[in-house]
Amino acid sequence: GAGKTTLFNCVTGLVPPDTGTVTFDGRDIAGWRPERITQA
C-alpha cells in the first residue's frame, strides 16, 4: 500500500498522474501514451 506499483503505472503511462513531472532521458514524459514511452 506504499504506492510502488501506482508509481510504476504513472511513470510508464498506464495511469496518468494528477500532478507532478516525470522526466526521462531529459524529456518530460508525464501524460505520454505507454507505447510512446516504450519507444523512448
PDB file of all heavy atoms in Angstrom:
ATOM      1  N   GLY A   1       0.794  -1.222   0.000  1.00  0.00           N
ATOM      2  CA  GLY A   1       0.000   0.000   0.000  1.00  0.00           C
ATOM      3  C   GLY A   1       0.827   1.273   0.000  1.00  0.00           C
ATOM      4  O   GLY A   1       0.281   2.377   0.082  1.00  0.00           O
ATOM      5  N   ALA A   2       2.159   1.148  -0.145  1.00  0.00           N
ATOM      6  CA  ALA A   2       3.018   2.333  -0.119  1.00  0.00           C
ATOM      7  C   ALA A   2       2.903   3.164  -1.392  1.00  0.00           C
ATOM      8  O   ALA A   2       3.299   4.324  -1.413  1.00  0.00           O
ATOM      9  CB  ALA A   2       4.471   1.924   0.106  1.00  0.00           C
ATOM     10  N   GLY A   3       2.403   2.540  -2.487  1.00  0.00           N
ATOM     11  CA  GLY A   3       2.249   3.267  -3.741  1.00  0.00           C
ATOM     12  C   GLY A   3       3.267   2.908  -4.804  1.00  0.00           C
ATOM     13  O   GLY A   3       3.354   3.566  -5.842  1.00  0.00           O
ATOM     14  N   LYS A   4       3.997   1.826  -4.580  1.00  0.00           N
ATOM     15  CA  LYS A   4       5.088   1.473  -5.500  1.00  0.00           C
ATOM     16  C   LYS A   4       4.570   1.133  -6.905  1.00  0.00           C
ATOM     17  O   LYS A   4       5.074   1.655  -7.905  1.00  0.00           O
ATOM     18  CB  LYS A   4       5.876   0.277  -4.933  1.00  0.00           C
ATOM     19  CG  LYS A   4       6.437   0.521  -3.540  1.00  0.00           C
ATOM     20  CD  LYS A   4       7.242  -0.658  -3.039  1.00  0.00           C
ATOM     21  CE  LYS A   4       6.426  -1.933  -2.863  1.00  0.00           C
ATOM     22  NZ  LYS A   4       5.382  -1.806  -1.825  1.00  0.00           N
ATOM     23  N   THR A   5       3.585   0.250  -6.989  1.00  0.00           N
ATOM     24  CA  THR A   5       3.071  -0.131  -8.305  1.00  0.00           C
ATOM     25  C   THR A   5       2.323   1.026  -8.964  1.00  0.00           C
ATOM     26  O   THR A   5       2.403   1.210 -10.185  1.00  0.00           O
ATOM     27  CB  THR A   5       2.171  -1.373  -8.192  1.00  0.00           C
ATOM     28  OG1 THR A   5       2.953  -2.477  -7.721  1.00  0.00           O
ATOM     29  CG2 THR A   5       1.566  -1.743  -9.538  1.00  0.00           C
ATOM     30  N   THR A   6       1.621   1.832  -8.170  1.00  0.00           N
ATOM     31  CA  THR A   6       0.978   3.027  -8.734  1.00  0.00           C
ATOM     32  C   THR A   6       2.026   3.962  -9.329  1.00  0.00           C
ATOM     33  O   THR A   6       1.820   4.543 -10.402  1.00  0.00           O
ATOM     34  CB  THR A   6       0.167   3.769  -7.659  1.00  0.00           C
ATOM     35  OG1 THR A   6      -0.847   2.893  -7.142  1.00  0.00           O
ATOM     36  CG2 THR A   6      -0.494   5.006  -8.241  1.00  0.00           C
ATOM     37  N   LEU A   7       3.154   4.085  -8.660  1.00  0.00           N
ATOM     38  CA  LEU A   7       4.241   4.895  -9.203  1.00  0.00           C
ATOM     39  C   LEU A   7       4.697   4.346 -10.549  1.00  0.00           C
ATOM     40  O   LEU A   7       4.850   5.100 -11.523  1.00  0.00           O
ATOM     41  CB  LEU A   7       5.408   4.920  -8.226  1.00  0.00           C
ATOM     42  CG  LEU A   7       6.666   5.643  -8.715  1.00  0.00           C
ATOM     43  CD1 LEU A   7       6.407   7.136  -8.876  1.00  0.00           C
ATOM     44  CD2 LEU A   7       7.838   5.399  -7.777  1.00  0.00           C
ATOM     45  N   PHE A   8       4.921   3.024 -10.632  1.00  0.00           N
ATOM     46  CA  PHE A   8       5.285   2.407 -11.907  1.00  0.00           C
ATOM     47  C   PHE A   8       4.248   2.718 -12.973  1.00  0.00           C
ATOM     48  O   PHE A   8       4.581   3.040 -14.116  1.00  0.00           O
ATOM     49  CB  PHE A   8       5.426   0.899 -11.735  1.00  0.00           C
ATOM     50  CG  PHE A   8       6.803   0.425 -11.352  1.00  0.00           C
ATOM     51  CD1 PHE A   8       7.685   1.259 -10.693  1.00  0.00           C
ATOM     52  CD2 PHE A   8       7.214  -0.861 -11.652  1.00  0.00           C
ATOM     53  CE1 PHE A   8       8.960   0.829 -10.346  1.00  0.00           C
ATOM     54  CE2 PHE A   8       8.481  -1.312 -11.310  1.00  0.00           C
ATOM     55  CZ  PHE A   8       9.360  -0.465 -10.657  1.00  0.00           C
ATOM     56  N   ASN A   9       2.974   2.580 -12.614  1.00  0.00           N
ATOM     57  CA  ASN A   9       1.902   2.799 -13.590  1.00  0.00           C
ATOM     58  C   ASN A   9       1.881   4.242 -14.100  1.00  0.00           C
ATOM     59  O   ASN A   9       1.658   4.484 -15.294  1.00  0.00           O
ATOM     60  CB  ASN A   9       0.551   2.448 -12.976  1.00  0.00           C
ATOM     61  CG  ASN A   9       0.371   0.958 -12.762  1.00  0.00           C
ATOM     62  OD1 ASN A   9       1.074   0.135 -13.354  1.00  0.00           O
ATOM     63  ND2 ASN A   9      -0.568   0.591 -11.902  1.00  0.00           N
ATOM     64  N   CYS A  10       2.143   5.191 -13.212  1.00  0.00           N
ATOM     65  CA  CYS A  10       2.159   6.596 -13.629  1.00  0.00           C
ATOM     66  C   CYS A  10       3.384   6.907 -14.490  1.00  0.00           C
ATOM     67  O   CYS A  10       3.292   7.628 -15.482  1.00  0.00           O
ATOM     68  CB  CYS A  10       2.132   7.506 -12.408  1.00  0.00           C
ATOM     69  SG  CYS A  10       0.534   7.576 -11.554  1.00  0.00           S
ATOM     70  N   VAL A  11       4.526   6.368 -14.102  1.00  0.00           N
ATOM     71  CA  VAL A  11       5.754   6.635 -14.849  1.00  0.00           C
ATOM     72  C   VAL A  11       5.676   6.070 -16.263  1.00  0.00           C
ATOM     73  O   VAL A  11       6.163   6.682 -17.215  1.00  0.00           O
ATOM     74  CB  VAL A  11       6.968   6.056 -14.087  1.00  0.00           C
ATOM     75  CG1 VAL A  11       8.210   6.036 -14.972  1.00  0.00           C
ATOM     76  CG2 VAL A  11       7.238   6.877 -12.827  1.00  0.00           C
ATOM     77  N   THR A  12       5.040   4.897 -16.414  1.00  0.00           N
ATOM     78  CA  THR A  12       5.018   4.222 -17.721  1.00  0.00           C
ATOM     79  C   THR A  12       3.756   4.507 -18.526  1.00  0.00           C
ATOM     80  O   THR A  12       3.550   3.901 -19.569  1.00  0.00           O
ATOM     81  CB  THR A  12       5.179   2.711 -17.544  1.00  0.00           C
ATOM     82  OG1 THR A  12       4.156   2.207 -16.667  1.00  0.00           O
ATOM     83  CG2 THR A  12       6.541   2.375 -16.957  1.00  0.00           C
ATOM     84  N   GLY A  13       2.905   5.428 -18.061  1.00  0.00           N
ATOM     85  CA  GLY A  13       1.786   5.876 -18.858  1.00  0.00           C
ATOM     86  C   GLY A  13       0.516   5.052 -18.749  1.00  0.00           C
ATOM     87  O   GLY A  13      -0.473   5.362 -19.421  1.00  0.00           O
ATOM     88  N   LEU A  14       0.514   4.019 -17.912  1.00  0.00           N
ATOM     89  CA  LEU A  14      -0.716   3.235 -17.765  1.00  0.00           C
ATOM     90  C   LEU A  14      -1.791   4.017 -17.023  1.00  0.00           C
ATOM     91  O   LEU A  14      -2.983   3.850 -17.271  1.00  0.00           O
ATOM     92  CB  LEU A  14      -0.430   1.914 -17.029  1.00  0.00           C
ATOM     93  CG  LEU A  14       0.409   0.893 -17.787  1.00  0.00           C
ATOM     94  CD1 LEU A  14       0.644  -0.340 -16.919  1.00  0.00           C
ATOM     95  CD2 LEU A  14      -0.282   0.482 -19.088  1.00  0.00           C
ATOM     96  N   VAL A  15      -1.354   4.865 -16.103  1.00  0.00           N
ATOM     97  CA  VAL A  15      -2.265   5.715 -15.335  1.00  0.00           C
ATOM     98  C   VAL A  15      -1.690   7.124 -15.352  1.00  0.00           C
ATOM     99  O   VAL A  15      -0.518   7.306 -14.993  1.00  0.00           O
ATOM    100  CB  VAL A  15      -2.394   5.228 -13.874  1.00  0.00           C
ATOM    101  CG1 VAL A  15      -3.255   6.191 -13.063  1.00  0.00           C
ATOM    102  CG2 VAL A  15      -2.980   3.823 -13.820  1.00  0.00           C
ATOM    103  N   PRO A  16      -2.452   8.129 -15.759  1.00  0.00           N
ATOM    104  CA  PRO A  16      -1.898   9.485 -15.766  1.00  0.00           C
ATOM    105  C   PRO A  16      -1.805  10.042 -14.347  1.00  0.00           C
ATOM    106  O   PRO A  16      -2.715   9.857 -13.536  1.00  0.00           O
ATOM    107  CB  PRO A  16      -2.911  10.284 -16.603  1.00  0.00           C
ATOM    108  CG  PRO A  16      -4.203   9.529 -16.430  1.00  0.00           C
ATOM    109  CD  PRO A  16      -3.827   8.086 -16.299  1.00  0.00           C
ATOM    110  N   PRO A  17      -0.709  10.712 -14.006  1.00  0.00           N
ATOM    111  CA  PRO A  17      -0.641  11.364 -12.694  1.00  0.00           C
ATOM    112  C   PRO A  17      -1.579  12.566 -12.640  1.00  0.00           C
ATOM    113  O   PRO A  17      -1.888  13.168 -13.674  1.00  0.00           O
ATOM    114  CB  PRO A  17       0.821  11.800 -12.598  1.00  0.00           C
ATOM    115  CG  PRO A  17       1.266  11.966 -14.019  1.00  0.00           C
ATOM    116  CD  PRO A  17       0.507  10.930 -14.808  1.00  0.00           C
ATOM    117  N   ASP A  18      -2.021  12.905 -11.438  1.00  0.00           N
ATOM    118  CA  ASP A  18      -2.845  14.101 -11.284  1.00  0.00           C
ATOM    119  C   ASP A  18      -1.995  15.356 -11.416  1.00  0.00           C
ATOM    120  O   ASP A  18      -2.382  16.315 -12.092  1.00  0.00           O
ATOM    121  CB  ASP A  18      -3.549  14.083  -9.922  1.00  0.00           C
ATOM    122  CG  ASP A  18      -4.561  12.950  -9.809  1.00  0.00           C
ATOM    123  OD1 ASP A  18      -5.158  12.592 -10.841  1.00  0.00           O
ATOM    124  OD2 ASP A  18      -4.747  12.421  -8.699  1.00  0.00           O
ATOM    125  N   THR A  19      -0.841  15.355 -10.774  1.00  0.00           N
ATOM    126  CA  THR A  19       0.101  16.470 -10.883  1.00  0.00           C
ATOM    127  C   THR A  19       1.516  15.911 -10.755  1.00  0.00           C
ATOM    128  O   THR A  19       1.716  14.782 -10.315  1.00  0.00           O
ATOM    129  CB  THR A  19      -0.118  17.532  -9.779  1.00  0.00           C
ATOM    130  OG1 THR A  19       0.050  16.918  -8.491  1.00  0.00           O
ATOM    131  CG2 THR A  19      -1.497  18.155  -9.872  1.00  0.00           C
ATOM    132  N   GLY A  20       2.487  16.731 -11.116  1.00  0.00           N
ATOM    133  CA  GLY A  20       3.881  16.344 -10.995  1.00  0.00           C
ATOM    134  C   GLY A  20       4.532  16.141 -12.349  1.00  0.00           C
ATOM    135  O   GLY A  20       3.871  16.175 -13.399  1.00  0.00           O
ATOM    136  N   THR A  21       5.840  15.935 -12.325  1.00  0.00           N
ATOM    137  CA  THR A  21       6.602  15.729 -13.552  1.00  0.00           C
ATOM    138  C   THR A  21       7.334  14.403 -13.507  1.00  0.00           C
ATOM    139  O   THR A  21       7.746  13.930 -12.444  1.00  0.00           O
ATOM    140  CB  THR A  21       7.637  16.852 -13.766  1.00  0.00           C
ATOM    141  OG1 THR A  21       8.576  16.861 -12.684  1.00  0.00           O
ATOM    142  CG2 THR A  21       6.964  18.209 -13.871  1.00  0.00           C
ATOM    143  N   VAL A  22       7.456  13.802 -14.689  1.00  0.00           N
ATOM    144  CA  VAL A  22       8.235  12.583 -14.874  1.00  0.00           C
ATOM    145  C   VAL A  22       9.196  12.869 -16.021  1.00  0.00           C
ATOM    146  O   VAL A  22       8.787  12.924 -17.184  1.00  0.00           O
ATOM    147  CB  VAL A  22       7.352  11.369 -15.204  1.00  0.00           C
ATOM    148  CG1 VAL A  22       8.217  10.124 -15.389  1.00  0.00           C
ATOM    149  CG2 VAL A  22       6.309  11.136 -14.116  1.00  0.00           C
ATOM    150  N   THR A  23      10.465  13.055 -15.701  1.00  0.00           N
ATOM    151  CA  THR A  23      11.462  13.371 -16.715  1.00  0.00           C
ATOM    152  C   THR A  23      12.312  12.137 -16.966  1.00  0.00           C
ATOM    153  O   THR A  23      12.929  11.598 -16.042  1.00  0.00           O
ATOM    154  CB  THR A  23      12.359  14.545 -16.272  1.00  0.00           C
ATOM    155  OG1 THR A  23      11.539  15.658 -15.952  1.00  0.00           O
ATOM    156  CG2 THR A  23      13.335  14.921 -17.376  1.00  0.00           C
ATOM    157  N   PHE A  24      12.318  11.690 -18.222  1.00  0.00           N
ATOM    158  CA  PHE A  24      13.115  10.532 -18.606  1.00  0.00           C
ATOM    159  C   PHE A  24      14.057  10.924 -19.730  1.00  0.00           C
ATOM    160  O   PHE A  24      13.621  11.431 -20.763  1.00  0.00           O
ATOM    161  CB  PHE A  24      12.218   9.374 -19.052  1.00  0.00           C
ATOM    162  CG  PHE A  24      12.981   8.212 -19.626  1.00  0.00           C
ATOM    163  CD1 PHE A  24      13.819   7.452 -18.826  1.00  0.00           C
ATOM    164  CD2 PHE A  24      12.894   7.893 -20.983  1.00  0.00           C
ATOM    165  CE1 PHE A  24      14.554   6.403 -19.358  1.00  0.00           C
ATOM    166  CE2 PHE A  24      13.609   6.840 -21.516  1.00  0.00           C
ATOM    167  CZ  PHE A  24      14.452   6.091 -20.700  1.00  0.00           C
ATOM    168  N   ASP A  25      15.333  10.697 -19.511  1.00  0.00           N
ATOM    169  CA  ASP A  25      16.354  10.980 -20.521  1.00  0.00           C
ATOM    170  C   ASP A  25      16.224  12.412 -21.036  1.00  0.00           C
ATOM    171  O   ASP A  25      16.343  12.672 -22.237  1.00  0.00           O
ATOM    172  CB  ASP A  25      16.231   9.976 -21.667  1.00  0.00           C
ATOM    173  CG  ASP A  25      17.506   9.839 -22.478  1.00  0.00           C
ATOM    174  OD1 ASP A  25      18.572  10.211 -21.958  1.00  0.00           O
ATOM    175  OD2 ASP A  25      17.438   9.374 -23.641  1.00  0.00           O
ATOM    176  N   GLY A  26      15.926  13.340 -20.112  1.00  0.00           N
ATOM    177  CA  GLY A  26      15.870  14.752 -20.453  1.00  0.00           C
ATOM    178  C   GLY A  26      14.544  15.266 -20.969  1.00  0.00           C
ATOM    179  O   GLY A  26      14.419  16.457 -21.260  1.00  0.00           O
ATOM    180  N   ARG A  27      13.517  14.400 -21.072  1.00  0.00           N
ATOM    181  CA  ARG A  27      12.210  14.827 -21.590  1.00  0.00           C
ATOM    182  C   ARG A  27      11.117  14.552 -20.569  1.00  0.00           C
ATOM    183  O   ARG A  27      11.116  13.503 -19.933  1.00  0.00           O
ATOM    184  CB  ARG A  27      11.883  14.105 -22.898  1.00  0.00           C
ATOM    185  CG  ARG A  27      12.776  14.497 -24.061  1.00  0.00           C
ATOM    186  CD  ARG A  27      12.341  13.810 -25.343  1.00  0.00           C
ATOM    187  NE  ARG A  27      12.683  12.394 -25.343  1.00  0.00           N
ATOM    188  CZ  ARG A  27      12.379  11.552 -26.326  1.00  0.00           C
ATOM    189  NH1 ARG A  27      11.701  11.994 -27.382  1.00  0.00           N
ATOM    190  NH2 ARG A  27      12.745  10.291 -26.262  1.00  0.00           N
ATOM    191  N   ASP A  28      10.187  15.492 -20.432  1.00  0.00           N
ATOM    192  CA  ASP A  28       9.056  15.295 -19.540  1.00  0.00           C
ATOM    193  C   ASP A  28       8.050  14.380 -20.235  1.00  0.00           C
ATOM    194  O   ASP A  28       7.436  14.758 -21.236  1.00  0.00           O
ATOM    195  CB  ASP A  28       8.400  16.639 -19.199  1.00  0.00           C
ATOM    196  CG  ASP A  28       7.288  16.496 -18.154  1.00  0.00           C
ATOM    197  OD1 ASP A  28       7.000  15.360 -17.734  1.00  0.00           O
ATOM    198  OD2 ASP A  28       6.715  17.529 -17.762  1.00  0.00           O
ATOM    199  N   ILE A  29       7.870  13.169 -19.720  1.00  0.00           N
ATOM    200  CA  ILE A  29       7.019  12.174 -20.367  1.00  0.00           C
ATOM    201  C   ILE A  29       5.683  12.004 -19.650  1.00  0.00           C
ATOM    202  O   ILE A  29       4.891  11.133 -20.033  1.00  0.00           O
ATOM    203  CB  ILE A  29       7.727  10.803 -20.457  1.00  0.00           C
ATOM    204  CG1 ILE A  29       8.028  10.249 -19.062  1.00  0.00           C
ATOM    205  CG2 ILE A  29       9.009  10.925 -21.290  1.00  0.00           C
ATOM    206  CD1 ILE A  29       8.523   8.819 -19.068  1.00  0.00           C
ATOM    207  N   ALA A  30       5.408  12.806 -18.623  1.00  0.00           N
ATOM    208  CA  ALA A  30       4.139  12.689 -17.908  1.00  0.00           C
ATOM    209  C   ALA A  30       2.986  12.903 -18.881  1.00  0.00           C
ATOM    210  O   ALA A  30       2.943  13.889 -19.610  1.00  0.00           O
ATOM    211  CB  ALA A  30       4.071  13.703 -16.766  1.00  0.00           C
ATOM    212  N   GLY A  31       2.062  11.954 -18.909  1.00  0.00           N
ATOM    213  CA  GLY A  31       0.915  12.045 -19.799  1.00  0.00           C
ATOM    214  C   GLY A  31       1.116  11.405 -21.158  1.00  0.00           C
ATOM    215  O   GLY A  31       0.170  11.313 -21.945  1.00  0.00           O
ATOM    216  N   TRP A  32       2.339  10.947 -21.475  1.00  0.00           N
ATOM    217  CA  TRP A  32       2.551  10.243 -22.735  1.00  0.00           C
ATOM    218  C   TRP A  32       1.844   8.894 -22.722  1.00  0.00           C
ATOM    219  O   TRP A  32       1.647   8.290 -21.669  1.00  0.00           O
ATOM    220  CB  TRP A  32       4.042   9.997 -22.955  1.00  0.00           C
ATOM    221  CG  TRP A  32       4.846  11.176 -23.365  1.00  0.00           C
ATOM    222  CD1 TRP A  32       4.518  12.491 -23.230  1.00  0.00           C
ATOM    223  CD2 TRP A  32       6.159  11.139 -23.943  1.00  0.00           C
ATOM    224  NE1 TRP A  32       5.543  13.284 -23.705  1.00  0.00           N
ATOM    225  CE2 TRP A  32       6.555  12.486 -24.144  1.00  0.00           C
ATOM    226  CE3 TRP A  32       7.023  10.114 -24.312  1.00  0.00           C
ATOM    227  CZ2 TRP A  32       7.788  12.814 -24.701  1.00  0.00           C
ATOM    228  CZ3 TRP A  32       8.257  10.445 -24.856  1.00  0.00           C
ATOM    229  CH2 TRP A  32       8.631  11.781 -25.057  1.00  0.00           C
ATOM    230  N   ARG A  33       1.501   8.410 -23.905  1.00  0.00           N
ATOM    231  CA  ARG A  33       0.920   7.081 -24.028  1.00  0.00           C
ATOM    232  C   ARG A  33       2.001   6.018 -23.794  1.00  0.00           C
ATOM    233  O   ARG A  33       3.184   6.244 -24.073  1.00  0.00           O
ATOM    234  CB  ARG A  33       0.289   6.893 -25.409  1.00  0.00           C
ATOM    235  CG  ARG A  33      -0.945   7.771 -25.631  1.00  0.00           C
ATOM    236  CD  ARG A  33      -1.519   7.530 -27.021  1.00  0.00           C
ATOM    237  NE  ARG A  33      -1.915   6.144 -27.202  1.00  0.00           N
ATOM    238  CZ  ARG A  33      -3.080   5.628 -26.796  1.00  0.00           C
ATOM    239  NH1 ARG A  33      -3.942   6.403 -26.171  1.00  0.00           N
ATOM    240  NH2 ARG A  33      -3.368   4.367 -27.009  1.00  0.00           N
ATOM    241  N   PRO A  34       1.613   4.839 -23.274  1.00  0.00           N
ATOM    242  CA  PRO A  34       2.605   3.809 -22.944  1.00  0.00           C
ATOM    243  C   PRO A  34       3.513   3.428 -24.106  1.00  0.00           C
ATOM    244  O   PRO A  34       4.714   3.245 -23.924  1.00  0.00           O
ATOM    245  CB  PRO A  34       1.742   2.627 -22.493  1.00  0.00           C
ATOM    246  CG  PRO A  34       0.491   3.245 -21.981  1.00  0.00           C
ATOM    247  CD  PRO A  34       0.253   4.446 -22.840  1.00  0.00           C
ATOM    248  N   GLU A  35       2.953   3.319 -25.323  1.00  0.00           N
ATOM    249  CA  GLU A  35       3.776   2.892 -26.448  1.00  0.00           C
ATOM    250  C   GLU A  35       4.833   3.944 -26.803  1.00  0.00           C
ATOM    251  O   GLU A  35       5.948   3.611 -27.210  1.00  0.00           O
ATOM    252  CB  GLU A  35       2.926   2.561 -27.673  1.00  0.00           C
ATOM    253  CG  GLU A  35       2.114   3.708 -28.250  1.00  0.00           C
ATOM    254  CD  GLU A  35       0.721   3.827 -27.647  1.00  0.00           C
ATOM    255  OE1 GLU A  35       0.510   3.320 -26.531  1.00  0.00           O
ATOM    256  OE2 GLU A  35      -0.150   4.432 -28.307  1.00  0.00           O
ATOM    257  N   ARG A  36       4.500   5.214 -26.614  1.00  0.00           N
ATOM    258  CA  ARG A  36       5.476   6.268 -26.885  1.00  0.00           C
ATOM    259  C   ARG A  36       6.602   6.236 -25.843  1.00  0.00           C
ATOM    260  O   ARG A  36       7.781   6.452 -26.177  1.00  0.00           O
ATOM    261  CB  ARG A  36       4.789   7.632 -26.884  1.00  0.00           C
ATOM    262  CG  ARG A  36       5.699   8.775 -27.304  1.00  0.00           C
ATOM    263  CD  ARG A  36       4.973  10.112 -27.271  1.00  0.00           C
ATOM    264  NE  ARG A  36       5.876  11.209 -27.588  1.00  0.00           N
ATOM    265  CZ  ARG A  36       5.597  12.496 -27.378  1.00  0.00           C
ATOM    266  NH1 ARG A  36       4.415  12.846 -26.847  1.00  0.00           N
ATOM    267  NH2 ARG A  36       6.475  13.436 -27.685  1.00  0.00           N
ATOM    268  N   ILE A  37       6.251   5.961 -24.608  1.00  0.00           N
ATOM    269  CA  ILE A  37       7.251   5.856 -23.548  1.00  0.00           C
ATOM    270  C   ILE A  37       8.174   4.670 -23.811  1.00  0.00           C
ATOM    271  O   ILE A  37       9.396   4.761 -23.648  1.00  0.00           O
ATOM    272  CB  ILE A  37       6.564   5.745 -22.171  1.00  0.00           C
ATOM    273  CG1 ILE A  37       5.836   7.055 -21.852  1.00  0.00           C
ATOM    274  CG2 ILE A  37       7.563   5.396 -21.080  1.00  0.00           C
ATOM    275  CD1 ILE A  37       4.992   7.015 -20.592  1.00  0.00           C
ATOM    276  N   THR A  38       7.589   3.551 -24.238  1.00  0.00           N
ATOM    277  CA  THR A  38       8.410   2.383 -24.577  1.00  0.00           C
ATOM    278  C   THR A  38       9.371   2.703 -25.711  1.00  0.00           C
ATOM    279  O   THR A  38      10.554   2.341 -25.671  1.00  0.00           O
ATOM    280  CB  THR A  38       7.509   1.197 -24.963  1.00  0.00           C
ATOM    281  OG1 THR A  38       6.709   0.822 -23.835  1.00  0.00           O
ATOM    282  CG2 THR A  38       8.335   0.003 -25.405  1.00  0.00           C
ATOM    283  N   GLN A  39       8.878   3.383 -26.730  1.00  0.00           N
ATOM    284  CA  GLN A  39       9.739   3.749 -27.860  1.00  0.00           C
ATOM    285  C   GLN A  39      10.869   4.673 -27.437  1.00  0.00           C
ATOM    286  O   GLN A  39      11.945   4.668 -28.046  1.00  0.00           O
ATOM    287  CB  GLN A  39       8.898   4.396 -28.957  1.00  0.00           C
ATOM    288  CG  GLN A  39       7.969   3.432 -29.670  1.00  0.00           C
ATOM    289  CD  GLN A  39       6.910   4.136 -30.513  1.00  0.00           C
ATOM    290  OE1 GLN A  39       6.883   5.365 -30.599  1.00  0.00           O
ATOM    291  NE2 GLN A  39       6.035   3.360 -31.138  1.00  0.00           N
ATOM    292  N   ALA A  40      10.649   5.450 -26.373  1.00  0.00           N
ATOM    293  CA  ALA A  40      11.689   6.355 -25.875  1.00  0.00           C
ATOM    294  C   ALA A  40      12.763   5.612 -25.092  1.00  0.00           C
ATOM    295  O   ALA A  40      13.817   6.183 -24.795  1.00  0.00           O
ATOM    296  CB  ALA A  40      11.061   7.433 -25.001  1.00  0.00           C
TER     297      ALA A  40
END
